[in-house]
Amino acid sequence: MAGRATPATALLAKGRVAHVLHSYEHGTGQAYGPEAAQMLGLDPGRVFKTLVADVDGRLTVAVVPVTASLDLKALAAAVGGKRARMAEVADAERVTGYVAGGISPLGQRRRLPTVIDSSARGFDTLFCSAGRRGLEMELAPDDLARLAGASFAPIATALS
């Protein structure tokens, strides 16, 4: 499963970024991020999900821990916008080139404004989708930000 490259893994290789790929057998019925944490035996706080939102009519990527939800108001503020809502799944898939549950913050068809929750900086490495369901990449938060052209901001709120 990890043998087939994705645009995200190709970008990591091209940039010579230190990373580790982790694959697992994707099941059904459970949210992708928590499933990845459970199947790989990881602290869920280090596993991040990639979400696509519409901020004032412009698609924007948010990378937040799977243990949290996206604060849409904070995301809008982080990119200088006023209003944010979750993007339609079909729009997110079309613009990123990935399928839902496998959307990576790297290697998207079109580079979108990207914000990583500032909690990521508390880890030496984090885990996020490598562009396919069942494939996670582990890399340093600053490397992810550099390759994605992302900024850091407090955009996540704890799940209640």
N, C-alpha and C. Protein backbone atom coordinates (compact mmCIF):
# COMPACT_ATOMS: atom_id res chain seq x y z
N MET A 1 0.82 -1.19 0.00
CA MET A 1 0.00 0.00 0.00
C MET A 1 0.86 1.25 0.00
N ALA A 2 1.94 1.31 0.74
CA ALA A 2 2.77 2.50 0.82
C ALA A 2 3.67 2.63 -0.41
N GLY A 3 3.67 1.62 -1.28
CA GLY A 3 4.56 1.62 -2.42
C GLY A 3 4.21 2.63 -3.50
N ARG A 4 2.93 2.92 -3.68
CA ARG A 4 2.50 3.82 -4.73
C ARG A 4 2.61 5.27 -4.26
N ALA A 5 3.36 6.07 -5.01
CA ALA A 5 3.56 7.46 -4.62
C ALA A 5 2.27 8.26 -4.78
N THR A 6 2.15 9.29 -3.98
CA THR A 6 1.06 10.25 -4.10
C THR A 6 1.72 11.60 -4.38
N PRO A 7 0.97 12.60 -4.82
CA PRO A 7 1.58 13.92 -4.99
C PRO A 7 2.26 14.42 -3.71
N ALA A 8 1.68 14.08 -2.55
CA ALA A 8 2.28 14.51 -1.28
C ALA A 8 3.63 13.83 -1.05
N THR A 9 3.70 12.53 -1.26
CA THR A 9 4.96 11.82 -1.03
C THR A 9 6.00 12.22 -2.07
N ALA A 10 5.57 12.51 -3.29
CA ALA A 10 6.50 12.98 -4.32
C ALA A 10 7.09 14.33 -3.94
N LEU A 11 6.27 15.21 -3.36
CA LEU A 11 6.75 16.51 -2.92
C LEU A 11 7.75 16.37 -1.77
N LEU A 12 7.49 15.45 -0.85
CA LEU A 12 8.42 15.20 0.25
C LEU A 12 9.77 14.73 -0.29
N ALA A 13 9.72 13.80 -1.25
CA ALA A 13 10.96 13.27 -1.82
C ALA A 13 11.71 14.36 -2.58
N LYS A 14 10.99 15.12 -3.39
CA LYS A 14 11.62 16.19 -4.18
C LYS A 14 12.28 17.23 -3.27
N GLY A 15 11.61 17.54 -2.16
CA GLY A 15 12.15 18.52 -1.22
C GLY A 15 13.17 17.95 -0.26
N ARG A 16 13.41 16.65 -0.36
CA ARG A 16 14.36 15.95 0.52
C ARG A 16 14.08 16.23 1.98
N VAL A 17 12.80 16.12 2.31
CA VAL A 17 12.33 16.38 3.67
C VAL A 17 12.33 15.07 4.46
N ALA A 18 12.90 15.10 5.65
CA ALA A 18 12.89 13.92 6.51
C ALA A 18 11.45 13.60 6.88
N HIS A 19 11.05 12.37 6.63
CA HIS A 19 9.69 11.94 6.94
C HIS A 19 9.65 10.42 7.03
N VAL A 20 8.59 9.91 7.62
CA VAL A 20 8.35 8.47 7.68
C VAL A 20 6.91 8.25 7.25
N LEU A 21 6.70 7.27 6.37
CA LEU A 21 5.34 6.92 5.97
C LEU A 21 4.85 5.76 6.82
N HIS A 22 3.60 5.83 7.21
CA HIS A 22 2.97 4.79 8.02
C HIS A 22 1.68 4.38 7.31
N SER A 23 1.56 3.10 7.00
CA SER A 23 0.32 2.66 6.35
C SER A 23 -0.43 1.71 7.27
N TYR A 24 -1.72 1.67 7.07
CA TYR A 24 -2.59 0.78 7.83
C TYR A 24 -3.76 0.42 6.94
N GLU A 25 -4.44 -0.65 7.30
CA GLU A 25 -5.60 -1.10 6.54
C GLU A 25 -6.79 -0.25 6.93
N HIS A 26 -7.24 0.57 5.99
CA HIS A 26 -8.38 1.44 6.25
C HIS A 26 -9.67 0.62 6.31
N GLY A 27 -10.41 0.82 7.39
CA GLY A 27 -11.69 0.12 7.57
C GLY A 27 -12.84 1.01 7.17
N THR A 28 -13.98 0.76 7.75
CA THR A 28 -15.15 1.59 7.47
C THR A 28 -15.83 1.93 8.77
N GLY A 29 -16.58 3.00 8.75
CA GLY A 29 -17.42 3.34 9.89
C GLY A 29 -16.80 4.27 10.91
N GLN A 30 -15.50 4.43 10.92
CA GLN A 30 -14.86 5.31 11.90
C GLN A 30 -14.26 6.51 11.18
N ALA A 31 -14.23 7.65 11.82
CA ALA A 31 -13.60 8.83 11.22
C ALA A 31 -12.14 8.52 10.92
N TYR A 32 -11.62 9.06 9.84
CA TYR A 32 -10.29 8.70 9.35
C TYR A 32 -9.17 9.01 10.34
N GLY A 33 -9.16 10.20 10.92
CA GLY A 33 -8.09 10.57 11.84
C GLY A 33 -8.01 9.69 13.07
N PRO A 34 -9.13 9.55 13.80
CA PRO A 34 -9.10 8.65 14.96
C PRO A 34 -8.75 7.21 14.58
N GLU A 35 -9.21 6.78 13.40
CA GLU A 35 -8.87 5.44 12.94
C GLU A 35 -7.36 5.31 12.75
N ALA A 36 -6.74 6.32 12.13
CA ALA A 36 -5.29 6.29 11.91
C ALA A 36 -4.56 6.21 13.25
N ALA A 37 -4.98 7.03 14.22
CA ALA A 37 -4.33 7.02 15.53
C ALA A 37 -4.45 5.65 16.18
N GLN A 38 -5.64 5.07 16.13
CA GLN A 38 -5.86 3.76 16.75
C GLN A 38 -5.08 2.66 16.04
N MET A 39 -5.17 2.63 14.72
CA MET A 39 -4.52 1.55 13.96
C MET A 39 -2.99 1.62 14.04
N LEU A 40 -2.45 2.82 14.18
CA LEU A 40 -0.99 2.98 14.24
C LEU A 40 -0.47 3.08 15.67
N GLY A 41 -1.39 3.05 16.66
CA GLY A 41 -0.98 3.11 18.06
C GLY A 41 -0.38 4.45 18.44
N LEU A 42 -0.96 5.53 17.93
CA LEU A 42 -0.41 6.87 18.15
C LEU A 42 -1.23 7.67 19.15
N ASP A 43 -0.58 8.66 19.76
CA ASP A 43 -1.27 9.66 20.57
C ASP A 43 -2.15 10.45 19.61
N PRO A 44 -3.49 10.43 19.78
CA PRO A 44 -4.36 11.13 18.84
C PRO A 44 -4.08 12.63 18.76
N GLY A 45 -3.48 13.21 19.78
CA GLY A 45 -3.14 14.62 19.74
C GLY A 45 -2.06 14.96 18.73
N ARG A 46 -1.31 13.95 18.29
CA ARG A 46 -0.25 14.16 17.29
C ARG A 46 -0.72 13.87 15.88
N VAL A 47 -1.97 13.39 15.76
CA VAL A 47 -2.52 13.08 14.44
C VAL A 47 -3.41 14.24 14.02
N PHE A 48 -3.14 14.80 12.85
CA PHE A 48 -3.85 15.98 12.37
C PHE A 48 -4.68 15.64 11.14
N LYS A 49 -5.85 16.29 11.07
CA LYS A 49 -6.73 16.11 9.92
C LYS A 49 -6.65 17.35 9.05
N THR A 50 -6.85 17.13 7.76
CA THR A 50 -6.82 18.21 6.79
C THR A 50 -8.25 18.52 6.39
N LEU A 51 -8.69 19.74 6.65
CA LEU A 51 -10.04 20.16 6.34
C LEU A 51 -9.99 21.30 5.33
N VAL A 52 -11.01 21.36 4.49
CA VAL A 52 -11.09 22.45 3.52
C VAL A 52 -12.32 23.28 3.84
N ALA A 53 -12.09 24.57 3.97
CA ALA A 53 -13.18 25.51 4.29
C ALA A 53 -13.25 26.58 3.21
N ASP A 54 -14.39 27.22 3.15
CA ASP A 54 -14.61 28.35 2.25
C ASP A 54 -14.56 29.61 3.11
N VAL A 55 -13.55 30.43 2.88
CA VAL A 55 -13.43 31.70 3.62
C VAL A 55 -13.70 32.83 2.64
N ASP A 56 -14.82 33.48 2.80
CA ASP A 56 -15.21 34.60 1.92
C ASP A 56 -15.10 34.22 0.44
N GLY A 57 -15.53 32.99 0.11
CA GLY A 57 -15.52 32.55 -1.28
C GLY A 57 -14.20 31.99 -1.77
N ARG A 58 -13.22 31.86 -0.89
CA ARG A 58 -11.91 31.33 -1.28
C ARG A 58 -11.62 30.06 -0.47
N LEU A 59 -11.35 28.96 -1.15
CA LEU A 59 -11.07 27.72 -0.43
C LEU A 59 -9.75 27.84 0.32
N THR A 60 -9.77 27.35 1.55
CA THR A 60 -8.64 27.46 2.47
C THR A 60 -8.49 26.13 3.21
N VAL A 61 -7.26 25.73 3.43
CA VAL A 61 -6.98 24.46 4.12
C VAL A 61 -6.67 24.73 5.59
N ALA A 62 -7.25 23.90 6.45
CA ALA A 62 -6.98 23.95 7.89
C ALA A 62 -6.45 22.58 8.31
N VAL A 63 -5.39 22.58 9.10
CA VAL A 63 -4.80 21.34 9.60
C VAL A 63 -4.91 21.40 11.12
N VAL A 64 -5.77 20.53 11.67
CA VAL A 64 -6.06 20.56 13.11
C VAL A 64 -5.97 19.15 13.69
N PRO A 65 -5.72 19.04 15.00
CA PRO A 65 -5.65 17.71 15.63
C PRO A 65 -6.99 16.98 15.49
N VAL A 66 -6.92 15.66 15.37
CA VAL A 66 -8.16 14.88 15.28
C VAL A 66 -8.93 14.91 16.60
N THR A 67 -8.27 15.35 17.67
CA THR A 67 -8.92 15.45 18.98
C THR A 67 -9.63 16.78 19.15
N ALA A 68 -9.68 17.60 18.09
CA ALA A 68 -10.28 18.92 18.18
C ALA A 68 -11.18 19.17 16.98
N SER A 69 -11.91 20.26 17.05
CA SER A 69 -12.70 20.68 15.90
C SER A 69 -12.14 22.01 15.40
N LEU A 70 -12.45 22.31 14.16
CA LEU A 70 -11.99 23.55 13.55
C LEU A 70 -12.85 24.71 14.02
N ASP A 71 -12.20 25.77 14.48
CA ASP A 71 -12.88 27.02 14.85
C ASP A 71 -12.92 27.86 13.58
N LEU A 72 -14.07 27.88 12.91
CA LEU A 72 -14.19 28.57 11.62
C LEU A 72 -13.92 30.07 11.73
N LYS A 73 -14.36 30.67 12.82
CA LYS A 73 -14.14 32.11 13.01
C LYS A 73 -12.64 32.40 13.14
N ALA A 74 -11.93 31.54 13.88
CA ALA A 74 -10.48 31.71 14.04
C ALA A 74 -9.75 31.49 12.72
N LEU A 75 -10.21 30.52 11.92
CA LEU A 75 -9.59 30.29 10.62
C LEU A 75 -9.76 31.51 9.73
N ALA A 76 -10.97 32.04 9.69
CA ALA A 76 -11.22 33.24 8.87
C ALA A 76 -10.29 34.37 9.30
N ALA A 77 -10.19 34.60 10.59
CA ALA A 77 -9.32 35.66 11.09
C ALA A 77 -7.86 35.41 10.72
N ALA A 78 -7.43 34.15 10.76
CA ALA A 78 -6.03 33.80 10.48
C ALA A 78 -5.63 34.12 9.04
N VAL A 79 -6.60 34.11 8.12
CA VAL A 79 -6.29 34.41 6.72
C VAL A 79 -6.84 35.77 6.30
N GLY A 80 -7.23 36.58 7.27
CA GLY A 80 -7.70 37.93 6.98
C GLY A 80 -9.10 37.98 6.40
N GLY A 81 -9.90 36.94 6.68
CA GLY A 81 -11.26 36.90 6.16
C GLY A 81 -12.29 37.24 7.22
N LYS A 82 -13.53 37.26 6.80
CA LYS A 82 -14.62 37.59 7.72
C LYS A 82 -15.48 36.39 8.08
N ARG A 83 -15.83 35.57 7.08
CA ARG A 83 -16.73 34.44 7.32
C ARG A 83 -16.15 33.16 6.74
N ALA A 84 -16.35 32.07 7.47
CA ALA A 84 -15.88 30.77 6.98
C ALA A 84 -16.97 29.74 7.20
N ARG A 85 -17.01 28.79 6.29
CA ARG A 85 -17.90 27.63 6.43
C ARG A 85 -17.15 26.45 5.82
N MET A 86 -17.54 25.26 6.19
CA MET A 86 -16.90 24.08 5.61
C MET A 86 -17.22 24.03 4.12
N ALA A 87 -16.23 23.66 3.32
CA ALA A 87 -16.43 23.52 1.88
C ALA A 87 -17.24 22.26 1.60
N GLU A 88 -17.91 22.24 0.48
CA GLU A 88 -18.59 21.03 0.03
C GLU A 88 -17.52 19.98 -0.28
N VAL A 89 -17.80 18.72 0.06
CA VAL A 89 -16.83 17.64 -0.16
C VAL A 89 -16.40 17.58 -1.63
N ALA A 90 -17.35 17.68 -2.54
CA ALA A 90 -17.03 17.61 -3.97
C ALA A 90 -16.07 18.73 -4.38
N ASP A 91 -16.25 19.93 -3.83
CA ASP A 91 -15.36 21.04 -4.14
C ASP A 91 -13.96 20.79 -3.58
N ALA A 92 -13.90 20.29 -2.34
CA ALA A 92 -12.61 19.99 -1.72
C ALA A 92 -11.86 18.93 -2.53
N GLU A 93 -12.56 17.89 -2.95
CA GLU A 93 -11.92 16.82 -3.73
C GLU A 93 -11.45 17.34 -5.09
N ARG A 94 -12.27 18.12 -5.76
CA ARG A 94 -11.94 18.64 -7.09
C ARG A 94 -10.71 19.55 -7.03
N VAL A 95 -10.67 20.45 -6.08
CA VAL A 95 -9.59 21.43 -6.00
C VAL A 95 -8.28 20.81 -5.50
N THR A 96 -8.37 19.88 -4.54
CA THR A 96 -7.14 19.29 -3.99
C THR A 96 -6.62 18.13 -4.83
N GLY A 97 -7.51 17.43 -5.52
CA GLY A 97 -7.10 16.25 -6.28
C GLY A 97 -7.07 14.99 -5.43
N TYR A 98 -7.53 15.08 -4.21
CA TYR A 98 -7.57 13.94 -3.30
C TYR A 98 -9.01 13.60 -2.95
N VAL A 99 -9.23 12.38 -2.45
CA VAL A 99 -10.57 12.01 -1.99
C VAL A 99 -10.69 12.29 -0.50
N ALA A 100 -11.90 12.59 -0.07
CA ALA A 100 -12.15 12.86 1.35
C ALA A 100 -11.63 11.70 2.18
N GLY A 101 -11.00 12.02 3.29
CA GLY A 101 -10.39 11.00 4.13
C GLY A 101 -8.95 10.74 3.75
N GLY A 102 -8.54 11.28 2.61
CA GLY A 102 -7.16 11.14 2.15
C GLY A 102 -6.59 12.46 1.68
N ILE A 103 -7.26 13.56 2.00
CA ILE A 103 -6.77 14.87 1.58
C ILE A 103 -5.53 15.22 2.40
N SER A 104 -4.47 15.48 1.69
CA SER A 104 -3.20 15.86 2.33
C SER A 104 -3.01 17.37 2.21
N PRO A 105 -2.34 17.97 3.18
CA PRO A 105 -2.02 19.39 3.04
C PRO A 105 -0.93 19.64 2.00
N LEU A 106 -0.30 18.59 1.51
CA LEU A 106 0.79 18.71 0.53
C LEU A 106 0.38 18.12 -0.81
N GLY A 107 0.92 18.69 -1.89
CA GLY A 107 0.75 18.12 -3.22
C GLY A 107 -0.64 18.29 -3.80
N GLN A 108 -1.35 19.31 -3.39
CA GLN A 108 -2.69 19.54 -3.93
C GLN A 108 -2.59 20.08 -5.35
N ARG A 109 -3.66 19.87 -6.13
CA ARG A 109 -3.68 20.36 -7.52
C ARG A 109 -3.37 21.84 -7.60
N ARG A 110 -3.96 22.59 -6.68
CA ARG A 110 -3.74 24.03 -6.64
C ARG A 110 -3.39 24.38 -5.19
N ARG A 111 -2.32 25.11 -5.01
CA ARG A 111 -1.91 25.46 -3.64
C ARG A 111 -2.92 26.44 -3.07
N LEU A 112 -3.51 26.04 -1.97
CA LEU A 112 -4.51 26.86 -1.29
C LEU A 112 -3.89 27.49 -0.05
N PRO A 113 -4.44 28.63 0.39
CA PRO A 113 -3.96 29.17 1.67
C PRO A 113 -4.13 28.09 2.74
N THR A 114 -3.12 27.90 3.56
CA THR A 114 -3.13 26.81 4.53
C THR A 114 -2.73 27.34 5.91
N VAL A 115 -3.49 26.90 6.91
CA VAL A 115 -3.20 27.27 8.30
C VAL A 115 -3.13 25.99 9.12
N ILE A 116 -2.06 25.85 9.88
CA ILE A 116 -1.86 24.70 10.78
C ILE A 116 -2.12 25.18 12.19
N ASP A 117 -2.89 24.40 12.95
CA ASP A 117 -3.15 24.79 14.34
C ASP A 117 -1.83 24.90 15.08
N SER A 118 -1.71 25.96 15.87
CA SER A 118 -0.45 26.24 16.58
C SER A 118 -0.05 25.14 17.55
N SER A 119 -0.98 24.27 17.95
CA SER A 119 -0.61 23.16 18.84
C SER A 119 0.40 22.22 18.20
N ALA A 120 0.48 22.21 16.87
CA ALA A 120 1.42 21.34 16.16
C ALA A 120 2.86 21.64 16.55
N ARG A 121 3.12 22.88 16.90
CA ARG A 121 4.49 23.27 17.25
C ARG A 121 4.96 22.65 18.55
N GLY A 122 4.05 22.05 19.31
CA GLY A 122 4.40 21.39 20.57
C GLY A 122 4.98 20.00 20.37
N PHE A 123 5.05 19.54 19.13
CA PHE A 123 5.56 18.19 18.83
C PHE A 123 6.79 18.27 17.93
N ASP A 124 7.71 17.32 18.14
CA ASP A 124 8.85 17.22 17.23
C ASP A 124 8.36 16.83 15.85
N THR A 125 7.41 15.87 15.81
CA THR A 125 6.80 15.45 14.55
C THR A 125 5.30 15.31 14.75
N LEU A 126 4.57 15.44 13.65
CA LEU A 126 3.14 15.21 13.66
C LEU A 126 2.81 14.23 12.54
N PHE A 127 1.59 13.74 12.55
CA PHE A 127 1.13 12.81 11.53
C PHE A 127 -0.04 13.45 10.80
N CYS A 128 -0.06 13.33 9.48
CA CYS A 128 -1.21 13.77 8.70
C CYS A 128 -1.27 12.94 7.43
N SER A 129 -2.36 13.07 6.71
CA SER A 129 -2.56 12.25 5.53
C SER A 129 -1.47 12.47 4.49
N ALA A 130 -1.02 11.38 3.92
CA ALA A 130 -0.02 11.44 2.85
C ALA A 130 -0.68 11.36 1.48
N GLY A 131 -2.01 11.54 1.44
CA GLY A 131 -2.68 11.61 0.15
C GLY A 131 -3.50 10.40 -0.23
N ARG A 132 -3.67 9.48 0.70
CA ARG A 132 -4.48 8.31 0.43
C ARG A 132 -5.02 7.79 1.76
N ARG A 133 -6.23 7.32 1.76
CA ARG A 133 -6.79 6.72 2.96
C ARG A 133 -5.90 5.55 3.37
N GLY A 134 -5.53 5.52 4.64
CA GLY A 134 -4.68 4.45 5.13
C GLY A 134 -3.19 4.74 5.01
N LEU A 135 -2.83 5.97 4.65
CA LEU A 135 -1.42 6.32 4.53
C LEU A 135 -1.18 7.67 5.22
N GLU A 136 -0.37 7.62 6.28
CA GLU A 136 -0.05 8.82 7.06
C GLU A 136 1.43 9.13 6.88
N MET A 137 1.75 10.42 6.90
CA MET A 137 3.16 10.83 6.87
C MET A 137 3.48 11.48 8.20
N GLU A 138 4.68 11.19 8.67
CA GLU A 138 5.18 11.78 9.92
C GLU A 138 6.32 12.71 9.54
N LEU A 139 6.19 13.97 9.95
CA LEU A 139 7.23 14.95 9.65
C LEU A 139 7.18 16.09 10.65
N ALA A 140 8.22 16.91 10.64
CA ALA A 140 8.29 18.04 11.55
C ALA A 140 7.27 19.10 11.14
N PRO A 141 6.60 19.72 12.11
CA PRO A 141 5.61 20.75 11.79
C PRO A 141 6.16 21.88 10.92
N ASP A 142 7.38 22.32 11.18
CA ASP A 142 7.95 23.40 10.39
C ASP A 142 8.22 22.98 8.94
N ASP A 143 8.56 21.70 8.73
CA ASP A 143 8.74 21.20 7.36
C ASP A 143 7.39 21.18 6.64
N LEU A 144 6.35 20.74 7.34
CA LEU A 144 5.01 20.74 6.74
C LEU A 144 4.62 22.16 6.35
N ALA A 145 4.83 23.10 7.26
CA ALA A 145 4.46 24.49 6.98
C ALA A 145 5.24 25.05 5.79
N ARG A 146 6.52 24.75 5.73
CA ARG A 146 7.35 25.27 4.63
C ARG A 146 6.87 24.72 3.29
N LEU A 147 6.66 23.41 3.21
CA LEU A 147 6.23 22.80 1.95
C LEU A 147 4.83 23.20 1.53
N ALA A 148 3.96 23.43 2.50
CA ALA A 148 2.57 23.81 2.20
C ALA A 148 2.41 25.31 2.06
N GLY A 149 3.44 26.09 2.38
CA GLY A 149 3.31 27.54 2.38
C GLY A 149 2.33 27.99 3.45
N ALA A 150 2.33 27.26 4.57
CA ALA A 150 1.33 27.47 5.62
C ALA A 150 1.82 28.38 6.72
N SER A 151 0.86 28.91 7.46
CA SER A 151 1.14 29.67 8.67
C SER A 151 0.59 28.87 9.85
N PHE A 152 0.99 29.26 11.05
CA PHE A 152 0.47 28.65 12.28
C PHE A 152 -0.44 29.66 12.96
N ALA A 153 -1.57 29.17 13.50
CA ALA A 153 -2.49 30.02 14.25
C ALA A 153 -3.36 29.10 15.12
N PRO A 154 -3.89 29.63 16.23
CA PRO A 154 -4.78 28.82 17.07
C PRO A 154 -6.17 28.72 16.42
N ILE A 155 -6.38 27.65 15.64
CA ILE A 155 -7.63 27.49 14.89
C ILE A 155 -8.46 26.29 15.33
N ALA A 156 -8.03 25.60 16.39
CA ALA A 156 -8.74 24.40 16.84
C ALA A 156 -9.36 24.65 18.22
N THR A 157 -10.49 24.00 18.46
CA THR A 157 -11.10 24.01 19.78
C THR A 157 -11.31 22.56 20.20
N ALA A 158 -11.11 22.30 21.47
CA ALA A 158 -11.23 20.94 21.99
C ALA A 158 -12.64 20.42 21.77
N LEU A 159 -12.73 19.16 21.42
CA LEU A 159 -14.05 18.53 21.29
C LEU A 159 -14.67 18.38 22.68
N SER A 160 -15.96 18.65 22.78
CA SER A 160 -16.59 18.54 24.11
C SER A 160 -17.28 17.22 24.28
